[in-house]
Amino acid sequence: MHALDDVIEIEFPHTDPAGRPAATLENIETIIEAFDVILARPLVNHESFTPFFPGRFHAFSAENVRDVHLSKLHDICQRHGMVLNMRTLARHLQMLGLEREDCERIEANEKRLERGLA
C-alpha cells in the first residue's frame, strides 16, 4: 500500500498532449486502484458513492469522514497532474460506483440462474 502523500509512477490510459493525465473515469479508476481506495455508499447520504481509505482519516461524523476522504482523493489526483474540480470527481465516482454495482448485480443474478433460483 502506498503512502497517501506519495507521488508514484502511474501509467494513465488517457493523457493530454503535454503528458498530464486527463480527468477521465479510467484515469480516476487507475488512481483508486493504485492507492487501494474502496468505493462505497456511506450510511449517511447513501445516494452517492464515497471513496474510503481503509484504516485512515477517522472523524466524529460520517459526513466529515466522507468529506475528508473525498478531499484526500482529490489531492492525490492533483499531485499526479490531473486537473479536475471536486464536483467532477464526485460525479465520476458516482458513475464508477454505479458501474461496479451493476456488475455485482449481474454477477449475483448469473449465480442464482446457475443454481436454478431465478
PDB file of N, CA and C in Angstrom:
ATOM      1  N   MET A   1       0.853  -1.180   0.000  1.00  0.00           N
ATOM      2  CA  MET A   1       0.000   0.000   0.000  1.00  0.00           C
ATOM      3  C   MET A   1       0.900   1.244   0.000  1.00  0.00           C
ATOM      4  N   HIS A   2       0.577   2.161  -0.860  1.00  0.00           N
ATOM      5  CA  HIS A   2       1.359   3.395  -0.958  1.00  0.00           C
ATOM      6  C   HIS A   2       0.923   4.393   0.108  1.00  0.00           C
ATOM      7  N   ALA A   3       1.875   5.182   0.579  1.00  0.00           N
ATOM      8  CA  ALA A   3       1.534   6.290   1.471  1.00  0.00           C
ATOM      9  C   ALA A   3       0.742   7.300   0.663  1.00  0.00           C
ATOM     10  N   LEU A   4      -0.249   7.899   1.289  1.00  0.00           N
ATOM     11  CA  LEU A   4      -1.156   8.775   0.564  1.00  0.00           C
ATOM     12  C   LEU A   4      -0.500  10.059   0.096  1.00  0.00           C
ATOM     13  N   ASP A   5       0.638  10.416   0.668  1.00  0.00           N
ATOM     14  CA  ASP A   5       1.340  11.614   0.228  1.00  0.00           C
ATOM     15  C   ASP A   5       2.370  11.313  -0.853  1.00  0.00           C
ATOM     16  N   ASP A   6       2.513  10.040  -1.217  1.00  0.00           N
ATOM     17  CA  ASP A   6       3.461   9.667  -2.259  1.00  0.00           C
ATOM     18  C   ASP A   6       2.958  10.094  -3.630  1.00  0.00           C
ATOM     19  N   VAL A   7       3.885  10.434  -4.482  1.00  0.00           N
ATOM     20  CA  VAL A   7       3.599  10.573  -5.907  1.00  0.00           C
ATOM     21  C   VAL A   7       4.287   9.377  -6.541  1.00  0.00           C
ATOM     22  N   ILE A   8       3.494   8.480  -7.083  1.00  0.00           N
ATOM     23  CA  ILE A   8       4.033   7.232  -7.621  1.00  0.00           C
ATOM     24  C   ILE A   8       3.952   7.240  -9.148  1.00  0.00           C
ATOM     25  N   GLU A   9       4.708   6.376  -9.740  1.00  0.00           N
ATOM     26  CA  GLU A   9       4.698   6.237 -11.197  1.00  0.00           C
ATOM     27  C   GLU A   9       3.423   5.471 -11.579  1.00  0.00           C
ATOM     28  N   ILE A  10       2.548   6.134 -12.305  1.00  0.00           N
ATOM     29  CA  ILE A  10       1.295   5.523 -12.751  1.00  0.00           C
ATOM     30  C   ILE A  10       1.203   5.696 -14.258  1.00  0.00           C
ATOM     31  N   GLU A  11       0.885   4.622 -14.937  1.00  0.00           N
ATOM     32  CA  GLU A  11       0.663   4.705 -16.376  1.00  0.00           C
ATOM     33  C   GLU A  11      -0.824   4.961 -16.612  1.00  0.00           C
ATOM     34  N   PHE A  12      -1.150   6.192 -16.951  1.00  0.00           N
ATOM     35  CA  PHE A  12      -2.540   6.576 -17.156  1.00  0.00           C
ATOM     36  C   PHE A  12      -2.977   6.237 -18.577  1.00  0.00           C
ATOM     37  N   PRO A  13      -4.193   5.732 -18.749  1.00  0.00           N
ATOM     38  CA  PRO A  13      -4.674   5.406 -20.093  1.00  0.00           C
ATOM     39  C   PRO A  13      -4.911   6.635 -20.973  1.00  0.00           C
ATOM     40  N   HIS A  14      -5.238   7.777 -20.363  1.00  0.00           N
ATOM     41  CA  HIS A  14      -5.547   8.975 -21.144  1.00  0.00           C
ATOM     42  C   HIS A  14      -4.704  10.150 -20.658  1.00  0.00           C
ATOM     43  N   THR A  15      -3.931  10.725 -21.574  1.00  0.00           N
ATOM     44  CA  THR A  15      -3.130  11.900 -21.241  1.00  0.00           C
ATOM     45  C   THR A  15      -3.366  12.994 -22.276  1.00  0.00           C
ATOM     46  N   ASP A  16      -3.078  14.226 -21.874  1.00  0.00           N
ATOM     47  CA  ASP A  16      -3.184  15.348 -22.810  1.00  0.00           C
ATOM     48  C   ASP A  16      -1.877  15.439 -23.604  1.00  0.00           C
ATOM     49  N   PRO A  17      -1.791  16.351 -24.565  1.00  0.00           N
ATOM     50  CA  PRO A  17      -0.568  16.459 -25.378  1.00  0.00           C
ATOM     51  C   PRO A  17       0.706  16.723 -24.561  1.00  0.00           C
ATOM     52  N   ALA A  18       0.560  17.313 -23.378  1.00  0.00           N
ATOM     53  CA  ALA A  18       1.735  17.575 -22.529  1.00  0.00           C
ATOM     54  C   ALA A  18       2.095  16.370 -21.656  1.00  0.00           C
ATOM     55  N   GLY A  19       1.313  15.285 -21.746  1.00  0.00           N
ATOM     56  CA  GLY A  19       1.600  14.084 -20.971  1.00  0.00           C
ATOM     57  C   GLY A  19       0.934  14.034 -19.608  1.00  0.00           C
ATOM     58  N   ARG A  20       0.118  15.045 -19.272  1.00  0.00           N
ATOM     59  CA  ARG A  20      -0.600  15.051 -17.987  1.00  0.00           C
ATOM     60  C   ARG A  20      -1.842  14.177 -18.095  1.00  0.00           C
ATOM     61  N   PRO A  21      -2.220  13.503 -17.002  1.00  0.00           N
ATOM     62  CA  PRO A  21      -3.422  12.664 -17.053  1.00  0.00           C
ATOM     63  C   PRO A  21      -4.688  13.508 -17.207  1.00  0.00           C
ATOM     64  N   ALA A  22      -5.552  13.072 -18.105  1.00  0.00           N
ATOM     65  CA  ALA A  22      -6.841  13.739 -18.295  1.00  0.00           C
ATOM     66  C   ALA A  22      -7.791  13.308 -17.182  1.00  0.00           C
ATOM     67  N   ALA A  23      -8.794  14.118 -16.918  1.00  0.00           N
ATOM     68  CA  ALA A  23      -9.772  13.821 -15.862  1.00  0.00           C
ATOM     69  C   ALA A  23     -10.851  12.896 -16.421  1.00  0.00           C
ATOM     70  N   THR A  24     -10.471  11.642 -16.667  1.00  0.00           N
ATOM     71  CA  THR A  24     -11.405  10.656 -17.215  1.00  0.00           C
ATOM     72  C   THR A  24     -11.743   9.609 -16.158  1.00  0.00           C
ATOM     73  N   LEU A  25     -12.826   8.891 -16.390  1.00  0.00           N
ATOM     74  CA  LEU A  25     -13.219   7.812 -15.483  1.00  0.00           C
ATOM     75  C   LEU A  25     -12.086   6.796 -15.329  1.00  0.00           C
ATOM     76  N   GLU A  26     -11.489   6.424 -16.453  1.00  0.00           N
ATOM     77  CA  GLU A  26     -10.442   5.403 -16.425  1.00  0.00           C
ATOM     78  C   GLU A  26      -9.218   5.865 -15.628  1.00  0.00           C
ATOM     79  N   ASN A  27      -8.840   7.129 -15.761  1.00  0.00           N
ATOM     80  CA  ASN A  27      -7.691   7.631 -15.009  1.00  0.00           C
ATOM     81  C   ASN A  27      -7.987   7.701 -13.515  1.00  0.00           C
ATOM     82  N   ILE A  28      -9.186   8.124 -13.165  1.00  0.00           N
ATOM     83  CA  ILE A  28      -9.559   8.154 -11.741  1.00  0.00           C
ATOM     84  C   ILE A  28      -9.587   6.736 -11.189  1.00  0.00           C
ATOM     85  N   GLU A  29     -10.112   5.810 -11.960  1.00  0.00           N
ATOM     86  CA  GLU A  29     -10.131   4.409 -11.527  1.00  0.00           C
ATOM     87  C   GLU A  29      -8.708   3.874 -11.347  1.00  0.00           C
ATOM     88  N   THR A  30      -7.784   4.298 -12.190  1.00  0.00           N
ATOM     89  CA  THR A  30      -6.382   3.896 -12.072  1.00  0.00           C
ATOM     90  C   THR A  30      -5.788   4.375 -10.746  1.00  0.00           C
ATOM     91  N   ILE A  31      -6.100   5.603 -10.356  1.00  0.00           N
ATOM     92  CA  ILE A  31      -5.626   6.125  -9.068  1.00  0.00           C
ATOM     93  C   ILE A  31      -6.277   5.370  -7.912  1.00  0.00           C
ATOM     94  N   ILE A  32      -7.572   5.100  -8.018  1.00  0.00           N
ATOM     95  CA  ILE A  32      -8.284   4.355  -6.975  1.00  0.00           C
ATOM     96  C   ILE A  32      -7.615   2.996  -6.751  1.00  0.00           C
ATOM     97  N   GLU A  33      -7.290   2.312  -7.835  1.00  0.00           N
ATOM     98  CA  GLU A  33      -6.652   1.001  -7.713  1.00  0.00           C
ATOM     99  C   GLU A  33      -5.228   1.114  -7.165  1.00  0.00           C
ATOM    100  N   ALA A  34      -4.486   2.122  -7.607  1.00  0.00           N
ATOM    101  CA  ALA A  34      -3.093   2.273  -7.165  1.00  0.00           C
ATOM    102  C   ALA A  34      -2.990   2.558  -5.669  1.00  0.00           C
ATOM    103  N   PHE A  35      -3.970   3.246  -5.110  1.00  0.00           N
ATOM    104  CA  PHE A  35      -3.923   3.618  -3.691  1.00  0.00           C
ATOM    105  C   PHE A  35      -4.878   2.797  -2.826  1.00  0.00           C
ATOM    106  N   ASP A  36      -5.389   1.691  -3.360  1.00  0.00           N
ATOM    107  CA  ASP A  36      -6.251   0.765  -2.603  1.00  0.00           C
ATOM    108  C   ASP A  36      -7.451   1.467  -1.974  1.00  0.00           C
ATOM    109  N   VAL A  37      -8.090   2.318  -2.748  1.00  0.00           N
ATOM    110  CA  VAL A  37      -9.266   3.049  -2.275  1.00  0.00           C
ATOM    111  C   VAL A  37     -10.497   2.175  -2.469  1.00  0.00           C
ATOM    112  N   ILE A  38     -11.357   2.163  -1.469  1.00  0.00           N
ATOM    113  CA  ILE A  38     -12.634   1.446  -1.557  1.00  0.00           C
ATOM    114  C   ILE A  38     -13.697   2.460  -1.942  1.00  0.00           C
ATOM    115  N   LEU A  39     -14.502   2.119  -2.920  1.00  0.00           N
ATOM    116  CA  LEU A  39     -15.597   2.976  -3.352  1.00  0.00           C
ATOM    117  C   LEU A  39     -16.889   2.351  -2.857  1.00  0.00           C
ATOM    118  N   ALA A  40     -17.616   3.075  -1.987  1.00  0.00           N
ATOM    119  CA  ALA A  40     -18.810   2.501  -1.368  1.00  0.00           C
ATOM    120  C   ALA A  40     -19.838   3.577  -1.082  1.00  0.00           C
ATOM    121  N   ARG A  41     -21.033   3.118  -0.771  1.00  0.00           N
ATOM    122  CA  ARG A  41     -22.096   4.031  -0.337  1.00  0.00           C
ATOM    123  C   ARG A  41     -22.024   4.152   1.184  1.00  0.00           C
ATOM    124  N   PRO A  42     -21.888   5.358   1.705  1.00  0.00           N
ATOM    125  CA  PRO A  42     -21.862   5.511   3.166  1.00  0.00           C
ATOM    126  C   PRO A  42     -23.263   5.398   3.752  1.00  0.00           C
ATOM    127  N   LEU A  43     -23.334   5.244   5.066  1.00  0.00           N
ATOM    128  CA  LEU A  43     -24.633   5.168   5.723  1.00  0.00           C
ATOM    129  C   LEU A  43     -25.390   6.484   5.618  1.00  0.00           C
ATOM    130  N   VAL A  44     -24.655   7.589   5.728  1.00  0.00           N
ATOM    131  CA  VAL A  44     -25.250   8.912   5.586  1.00  0.00           C
ATOM    132  C   VAL A  44     -25.110   9.311   4.122  1.00  0.00           C
ATOM    133  N   ASN A  45     -26.148   9.875   3.547  1.00  0.00           N
ATOM    134  CA  ASN A  45     -26.120  10.293   2.146  1.00  0.00           C
ATOM    135  C   ASN A  45     -25.809   9.105   1.242  1.00  0.00           C
ATOM    136  N   HIS A  46     -26.558   8.041   1.417  1.00  0.00           N
ATOM    137  CA  HIS A  46     -26.288   6.797   0.711  1.00  0.00           C
ATOM    138  C   HIS A  46     -26.646   6.841  -0.774  1.00  0.00           C
ATOM    139  N   GLU A  47     -27.123   7.981  -1.281  1.00  0.00           N
ATOM    140  CA  GLU A  47     -27.415   8.083  -2.704  1.00  0.00           C
ATOM    141  C   GLU A  47     -26.134   8.221  -3.519  1.00  0.00           C
ATOM    142  N   SER A  48     -25.067   8.674  -2.893  1.00  0.00           N
ATOM    143  CA  SER A  48     -23.829   8.903  -3.635  1.00  0.00           C
ATOM    144  C   SER A  48     -22.719   7.988  -3.115  1.00  0.00           C
ATOM    145  N   PHE A  49     -21.755   7.729  -3.984  1.00  0.00           N
ATOM    146  CA  PHE A  49     -20.611   6.898  -3.618  1.00  0.00           C
ATOM    147  C   PHE A  49     -19.499   7.771  -3.059  1.00  0.00           C
ATOM    148  N   THR A  50     -18.738   7.196  -2.145  1.00  0.00           N
ATOM    149  CA  THR A  50     -17.665   7.912  -1.473  1.00  0.00           C
ATOM    150  C   THR A  50     -16.416   7.049  -1.483  1.00  0.00           C
ATOM    151  N   PRO A  51     -15.256   7.669  -1.683  1.00  0.00           N
ATOM    152  CA  PRO A  51     -14.016   6.895  -1.552  1.00  0.00           C
ATOM    153  C   PRO A  51     -13.686   6.701  -0.073  1.00  0.00           C
ATOM    154  N   PHE A  52     -13.154   5.537   0.270  1.00  0.00           N
ATOM    155  CA  PHE A  52     -12.723   5.266   1.637  1.00  0.00           C
ATOM    156  C   PHE A  52     -11.304   4.721   1.609  1.00  0.00           C
ATOM    157  N   PHE A  53     -10.466   5.260   2.477  1.00  0.00           N
ATOM    158  CA  PHE A  53      -9.109   4.782   2.640  1.00  0.00           C
ATOM    159  C   PHE A  53      -9.108   3.940   3.913  1.00  0.00           C
ATOM    160  N   PRO A  54      -9.075   2.625   3.801  1.00  0.00           N
ATOM    161  CA  PRO A  54      -9.206   1.757   4.969  1.00  0.00           C
ATOM    162  C   PRO A  54      -8.211   2.100   6.082  1.00  0.00           C
ATOM    163  N   GLY A  55      -8.743   2.231   7.289  1.00  0.00           N
ATOM    164  CA  GLY A  55      -7.912   2.453   8.462  1.00  0.00           C
ATOM    165  C   GLY A  55      -7.314   3.836   8.580  1.00  0.00           C
ATOM    166  N   ARG A  56      -7.799   4.786   7.792  1.00  0.00           N
ATOM    167  CA  ARG A  56      -7.208   6.131   7.812  1.00  0.00           C
ATOM    168  C   ARG A  56      -8.300   7.181   7.909  1.00  0.00           C
ATOM    169  N   PHE A  57      -7.928   8.346   8.389  1.00  0.00           N
ATOM    170  CA  PHE A  57      -8.799   9.520   8.410  1.00  0.00           C
ATOM    171  C   PHE A  57     -10.107   9.274   9.161  1.00  0.00           C
ATOM    172  N   HIS A  58     -10.017   9.168  10.457  1.00  0.00           N
ATOM    173  CA  HIS A  58     -11.218   8.999  11.272  1.00  0.00           C
ATOM    174  C   HIS A  58     -11.753  10.368  11.677  1.00  0.00           C
ATOM    175  N   ALA A  59     -13.056  10.472  11.753  1.00  0.00           N
ATOM    176  CA  ALA A  59     -13.699  11.721  12.167  1.00  0.00           C
ATOM    177  C   ALA A  59     -14.887  11.360  13.038  1.00  0.00           C
ATOM    178  N   PHE A  60     -15.478  12.361  13.655  1.00  0.00           N
ATOM    179  CA  PHE A  60     -16.566  12.099  14.591  1.00  0.00           C
ATOM    180  C   PHE A  60     -17.917  11.938  13.927  1.00  0.00           C
ATOM    181  N   SER A  61     -18.052  12.285  12.672  1.00  0.00           N
ATOM    182  CA  SER A  61     -19.332  12.089  11.994  1.00  0.00           C
ATOM    183  C   SER A  61     -19.091  11.480  10.620  1.00  0.00           C
ATOM    184  N   ALA A  62     -20.081  10.733  10.138  1.00  0.00           N
ATOM    185  CA  ALA A  62     -19.957  10.079   8.839  1.00  0.00           C
ATOM    186  C   ALA A  62     -19.792  11.091   7.713  1.00  0.00           C
ATOM    187  N   GLU A  63     -20.463  12.235   7.817  1.00  0.00           N
ATOM    188  CA  GLU A  63     -20.333  13.254   6.774  1.00  0.00           C
ATOM    189  C   GLU A  63     -18.925  13.823   6.739  1.00  0.00           C
ATOM    190  N   ASN A  64     -18.309  14.026   7.909  1.00  0.00           N
ATOM    191  CA  ASN A  64     -16.932  14.522   7.939  1.00  0.00           C
ATOM    192  C   ASN A  64     -15.975  13.500   7.340  1.00  0.00           C
ATOM    193  N   VAL A  65     -16.186  12.229   7.636  1.00  0.00           N
ATOM    194  CA  VAL A  65     -15.344  11.173   7.067  1.00  0.00           C
ATOM    195  C   VAL A  65     -15.457  11.204   5.552  1.00  0.00           C
ATOM    196  N   ARG A  66     -16.683  11.290   5.043  1.00  0.00           N
ATOM    197  CA  ARG A  66     -16.903  11.327   3.600  1.00  0.00           C
ATOM    198  C   ARG A  66     -16.164  12.506   2.973  1.00  0.00           C
ATOM    199  N   ASP A  67     -16.297  13.673   3.557  1.00  0.00           N
ATOM    200  CA  ASP A  67     -15.664  14.864   3.005  1.00  0.00           C
ATOM    201  C   ASP A  67     -14.142  14.779   3.054  1.00  0.00           C
ATOM    202  N   VAL A  68     -13.593  14.245   4.138  1.00  0.00           N
ATOM    203  CA  VAL A  68     -12.144  14.121   4.273  1.00  0.00           C
ATOM    204  C   VAL A  68     -11.599  13.142   3.235  1.00  0.00           C
ATOM    205  N   HIS A  69     -12.267  12.019   3.051  1.00  0.00           N
ATOM    206  CA  HIS A  69     -11.796  11.020   2.096  1.00  0.00           C
ATOM    207  C   HIS A  69     -11.899  11.542   0.663  1.00  0.00           C
ATOM    208  N   LEU A  70     -12.969  12.236   0.352  1.00  0.00           N
ATOM    209  CA  LEU A  70     -13.127  12.816  -0.984  1.00  0.00           C
ATOM    210  C   LEU A  70     -12.045  13.864  -1.236  1.00  0.00           C
ATOM    211  N   SER A  71     -11.784  14.697  -0.247  1.00  0.00           N
ATOM    212  CA  SER A  71     -10.739  15.723  -0.382  1.00  0.00           C
ATOM    213  C   SER A  71      -9.365  15.090  -0.561  1.00  0.00           C
ATOM    214  N   LYS A  72      -9.101  14.008   0.151  1.00  0.00           N
ATOM    215  CA  LYS A  72      -7.805  13.339   0.026  1.00  0.00           C
ATOM    216  C   LYS A  72      -7.641  12.729  -1.358  1.00  0.00           C
ATOM    217  N   LEU A  73      -8.690  12.114  -1.893  1.00  0.00           N
ATOM    218  CA  LEU A  73      -8.609  11.558  -3.237  1.00  0.00           C
ATOM    219  C   LEU A  73      -8.391  12.679  -4.253  1.00  0.00           C
ATOM    220  N   HIS A  74      -9.064  13.793  -4.071  1.00  0.00           N
ATOM    221  CA  HIS A  74      -8.876  14.947  -4.954  1.00  0.00           C
ATOM    222  C   HIS A  74      -7.419  15.415  -4.899  1.00  0.00           C
ATOM    223  N   ASP A  75      -6.857  15.470  -3.709  1.00  0.00           N
ATOM    224  CA  ASP A  75      -5.457  15.868  -3.534  1.00  0.00           C
ATOM    225  C   ASP A  75      -4.518  14.905  -4.261  1.00  0.00           C
ATOM    226  N   ILE A  76      -4.762  13.616  -4.140  1.00  0.00           N
ATOM    227  CA  ILE A  76      -3.932  12.614  -4.809  1.00  0.00           C
ATOM    228  C   ILE A  76      -4.003  12.799  -6.330  1.00  0.00           C
ATOM    229  N   CYS A  77      -5.205  13.016  -6.847  1.00  0.00           N
ATOM    230  CA  CYS A  77      -5.365  13.245  -8.293  1.00  0.00           C
ATOM    231  C   CYS A  77      -4.558  14.458  -8.734  1.00  0.00           C
ATOM    232  N   GLN A  78      -4.659  15.543  -7.987  1.00  0.00           N
ATOM    233  CA  GLN A  78      -3.946  16.761  -8.367  1.00  0.00           C
ATOM    234  C   GLN A  78      -2.429  16.592  -8.282  1.00  0.00           C
ATOM    235  N   ARG A  79      -1.944  15.895  -7.258  1.00  0.00           N
ATOM    236  CA  ARG A  79      -0.498  15.686  -7.131  1.00  0.00           C
ATOM    237  C   ARG A  79       0.055  14.838  -8.265  1.00  0.00           C
ATOM    238  N   HIS A  80      -0.807  14.046  -8.883  1.00  0.00           N
ATOM    239  CA  HIS A  80      -0.382  13.237 -10.031  1.00  0.00           C
ATOM    240  C   HIS A  80      -0.645  13.947 -11.359  1.00  0.00           C
ATOM    241  N   GLY A  81      -0.968  15.245 -11.307  1.00  0.00           N
ATOM    242  CA  GLY A  81      -1.080  16.054 -12.502  1.00  0.00           C
ATOM    243  C   GLY A  81      -2.457  16.148 -13.123  1.00  0.00           C
ATOM    244  N   MET A  82      -3.453  15.546 -12.496  1.00  0.00           N
ATOM    245  CA  MET A  82      -4.812  15.577 -13.038  1.00  0.00           C
ATOM    246  C   MET A  82      -5.521  16.850 -12.588  1.00  0.00           C
ATOM    247  N   VAL A  83      -6.025  17.595 -13.529  1.00  0.00           N
ATOM    248  CA  VAL A  83      -6.734  18.831 -13.217  1.00  0.00           C
ATOM    249  C   VAL A  83      -8.232  18.547 -13.255  1.00  0.00           C
ATOM    250  N   LEU A  84      -8.863  18.613 -12.089  1.00  0.00           N
ATOM    251  CA  LEU A  84     -10.312  18.433 -12.006  1.00  0.00           C
ATOM    252  C   LEU A  84     -10.810  19.091 -10.736  1.00  0.00           C
ATOM    253  N   ASN A  85     -12.078  19.473 -10.743  1.00  0.00           N
ATOM    254  CA  ASN A  85     -12.651  20.061  -9.534  1.00  0.00           C
ATOM    255  C   ASN A  85     -13.384  18.976  -8.739  1.00  0.00           C
ATOM    256  N   MET A  86     -13.763  19.317  -7.526  1.00  0.00           N
ATOM    257  CA  MET A  86     -14.416  18.343  -6.638  1.00  0.00           C
ATOM    258  C   MET A  86     -15.733  17.835  -7.223  1.00  0.00           C
ATOM    259  N   ARG A  87     -16.458  18.703  -7.877  1.00  0.00           N
ATOM    260  CA  ARG A  87     -17.747  18.302  -8.451  1.00  0.00           C
ATOM    261  C   ARG A  87     -17.557  17.246  -9.546  1.00  0.00           C
ATOM    262  N   THR A  88     -16.555  17.443 -10.387  1.00  0.00           N
ATOM    263  CA  THR A  88     -16.264  16.463 -11.434  1.00  0.00           C
ATOM    264  C   THR A  88     -15.821  15.144 -10.822  1.00  0.00           C
ATOM    265  N   LEU A  89     -14.970  15.207  -9.806  1.00  0.00           N
ATOM    266  CA  LEU A  89     -14.516  13.990  -9.139  1.00  0.00           C
ATOM    267  C   LEU A  89     -15.701  13.244  -8.537  1.00  0.00           C
ATOM    268  N   ALA A  90     -16.577  13.943  -7.836  1.00  0.00           N
ATOM    269  CA  ALA A  90     -17.750  13.295  -7.221  1.00  0.00           C
ATOM    270  C   ALA A  90     -18.650  12.667  -8.284  1.00  0.00           C
ATOM    271  N   ARG A  91     -18.834  13.360  -9.411  1.00  0.00           N
ATOM    272  CA  ARG A  91     -19.674  12.824 -10.488  1.00  0.00           C
ATOM    273  C   ARG A  91     -19.034  11.566 -11.090  1.00  0.00           C
ATOM    274  N   HIS A  92     -17.720  11.590 -11.293  1.00  0.00           N
ATOM    275  CA  HIS A  92     -17.037  10.410 -11.823  1.00  0.00           C
ATOM    276  C   HIS A  92     -17.093   9.240 -10.837  1.00  0.00           C
ATOM    277  N   LEU A  93     -16.952   9.524  -9.544  1.00  0.00           N
ATOM    278  CA  LEU A  93     -17.054   8.466  -8.535  1.00  0.00           C
ATOM    279  C   LEU A  93     -18.441   7.844  -8.543  1.00  0.00           C
ATOM    280  N   GLN A  94     -19.467   8.677  -8.722  1.00  0.00           N
ATOM    281  CA  GLN A  94     -20.833   8.170  -8.793  1.00  0.00           C
ATOM    282  C   GLN A  94     -20.984   7.221  -9.988  1.00  0.00           C
ATOM    283  N   MET A  95     -20.450   7.618 -11.130  1.00  0.00           N
ATOM    284  CA  MET A  95     -20.546   6.774 -12.319  1.00  0.00           C
ATOM    285  C   MET A  95     -19.782   5.469 -12.141  1.00  0.00           C
ATOM    286  N   LEU A  96     -18.584   5.538 -11.578  1.00  0.00           N
ATOM    287  CA  LEU A  96     -17.808   4.325 -11.326  1.00  0.00           C
ATOM    288  C   LEU A  96     -18.519   3.412 -10.328  1.00  0.00           C
ATOM    289  N   GLY A  97     -19.077   3.999  -9.280  1.00  0.00           N
ATOM    290  CA  GLY A  97     -19.787   3.216  -8.275  1.00  0.00           C
ATOM    291  C   GLY A  97     -21.003   2.516  -8.853  1.00  0.00           C
ATOM    292  N   LEU A  98     -21.775   3.227  -9.660  1.00  0.00           N
ATOM    293  CA  LEU A  98     -22.955   2.620 -10.286  1.00  0.00           C
ATOM    294  C   LEU A  98     -22.557   1.503 -11.240  1.00  0.00           C
ATOM    295  N   GLU A  99     -21.469   1.713 -11.962  1.00  0.00           N
ATOM    296  CA  GLU A  99     -20.978   0.681 -12.878  1.00  0.00           C
ATOM    297  C   GLU A  99     -20.569  -0.576 -12.109  1.00  0.00           C
ATOM    298  N   ARG A 100     -19.846  -0.385 -11.007  1.00  0.00           N
ATOM    299  CA  ARG A 100     -19.435  -1.533 -10.183  1.00  0.00           C
ATOM    300  C   ARG A 100     -20.642  -2.238  -9.570  1.00  0.00           C
ATOM    301  N   GLU A 101     -21.601  -1.446  -9.109  1.00  0.00           N
ATOM    302  CA  GLU A 101     -22.806  -2.029  -8.531  1.00  0.00           C
ATOM    303  C   GLU A 101     -23.567  -2.859  -9.564  1.00  0.00           C
ATOM    304  N   ASP A 102     -23.669  -2.343 -10.784  1.00  0.00           N
ATOM    305  CA  ASP A 102     -24.339  -3.089 -11.854  1.00  0.00           C
ATOM    306  C   ASP A 102     -23.616  -4.392 -12.139  1.00  0.00           C
ATOM    307  N   CYS A 103     -22.301  -4.373 -12.193  1.00  0.00           N
ATOM    308  CA  CYS A 103     -21.529  -5.590 -12.440  1.00  0.00           C
ATOM    309  C   CYS A 103     -21.749  -6.609 -11.329  1.00  0.00           C
ATOM    310  N   GLU A 104     -21.771  -6.141 -10.078  1.00  0.00           N
ATOM    311  CA  GLU A 104     -22.010  -7.047  -8.950  1.00  0.00           C
ATOM    312  C   GLU A 104     -23.416  -7.643  -9.020  1.00  0.00           C
ATOM    313  N   ARG A 105     -24.384  -6.829  -9.395  1.00  0.00           N
ATOM    314  CA  ARG A 105     -25.765  -7.300  -9.511  1.00  0.00           C
ATOM    315  C   ARG A 105     -25.896  -8.341 -10.624  1.00  0.00           C
ATOM    316  N   ILE A 106     -25.268  -8.083 -11.759  1.00  0.00           N
ATOM    317  CA  ILE A 106     -25.312  -9.034 -12.875  1.00  0.00           C
ATOM    318  C   ILE A 106     -24.664 -10.349 -12.475  1.00  0.00           C
ATOM    319  N   GLU A 107     -23.516 -10.270 -11.812  1.00  0.00           N
ATOM    320  CA  GLU A 107     -22.815 -11.473 -11.364  1.00  0.00           C
ATOM    321  C   GLU A 107     -23.667 -12.276 -10.382  1.00  0.00           C
ATOM    322  N   ALA A 108     -24.320 -11.595  -9.440  1.00  0.00           N
ATOM    323  CA  ALA A 108     -25.182 -12.276  -8.466  1.00  0.00           C
ATOM    324  C   ALA A 108     -26.367 -12.936  -9.169  1.00  0.00           C
ATOM    325  N   ASN A 109     -26.949 -12.266 -10.153  1.00  0.00           N
ATOM    326  CA  ASN A 109     -28.076 -12.846 -10.892  1.00  0.00           C
ATOM    327  C   ASN A 109     -27.649 -14.077 -11.682  1.00  0.00           C
ATOM    328  N   GLU A 110     -26.466 -14.011 -12.291  1.00  0.00           N
ATOM    329  CA  GLU A 110     -25.961 -15.157 -13.042  1.00  0.00           C
ATOM    330  C   GLU A 110     -25.744 -16.360 -12.126  1.00  0.00           C
ATOM    331  N   LYS A 111     -25.241 -16.121 -10.925  1.00  0.00           N
ATOM    332  CA  LYS A 111     -25.034 -17.219  -9.973  1.00  0.00           C
ATOM    333  C   LYS A 111     -26.363 -17.825  -9.546  1.00  0.00           C
ATOM    334  N   ARG A 112     -27.376 -16.977  -9.335  1.00  0.00           N
ATOM    335  CA  ARG A 112     -28.694 -17.506  -8.982  1.00  0.00           C
ATOM    336  C   ARG A 112     -29.276 -18.331 -10.115  1.00  0.00           C
ATOM    337  N   LEU A 113     -29.091 -17.882 -11.356  1.00  0.00           N
ATOM    338  CA  LEU A 113     -29.572 -18.633 -12.512  1.00  0.00           C
ATOM    339  C   LEU A 113     -28.879 -19.989 -12.621  1.00  0.00           C
ATOM    340  N   GLU A 114     -27.567 -20.007 -12.361  1.00  0.00           N
ATOM    341  CA  GLU A 114     -26.811 -21.254 -12.407  1.00  0.00           C
ATOM    342  C   GLU A 114     -27.331 -22.250 -11.370  1.00  0.00           C
ATOM    343  N   ARG A 115     -27.767 -21.748 -10.232  1.00  0.00           N
ATOM    344  CA  ARG A 115     -28.284 -22.637  -9.177  1.00  0.00           C
ATOM    345  C   ARG A 115     -29.769 -22.921  -9.363  1.00  0.00           C
ATOM    346  N   GLY A 116     -30.370 -22.377 -10.415  1.00  0.00           N
ATOM    347  CA  GLY A 116     -31.790 -22.614 -10.684  1.00  0.00           C
ATOM    348  C   GLY A 116     -32.714 -21.857  -9.760  1.00  0.00           C
ATOM    349  N   LEU A 117     -32.250 -20.709  -9.242  1.00  0.00           N
ATOM    350  CA  LEU A 117     -33.060 -19.932  -8.286  1.00  0.00           C
ATOM    351  C   LEU A 117     -33.697 -18.710  -8.919  1.00  0.00           C
ATOM    352  N   ALA A 118     -33.796 -18.668 -10.216  1.00  0.00           N
ATOM    353  CA  ALA A 118     -34.377 -17.491 -10.888  1.00  0.00           C
ATOM    354  C   ALA A 118     -35.889 -17.516 -10.860  1.00  0.00           C
TER     355      ALA A 118
END
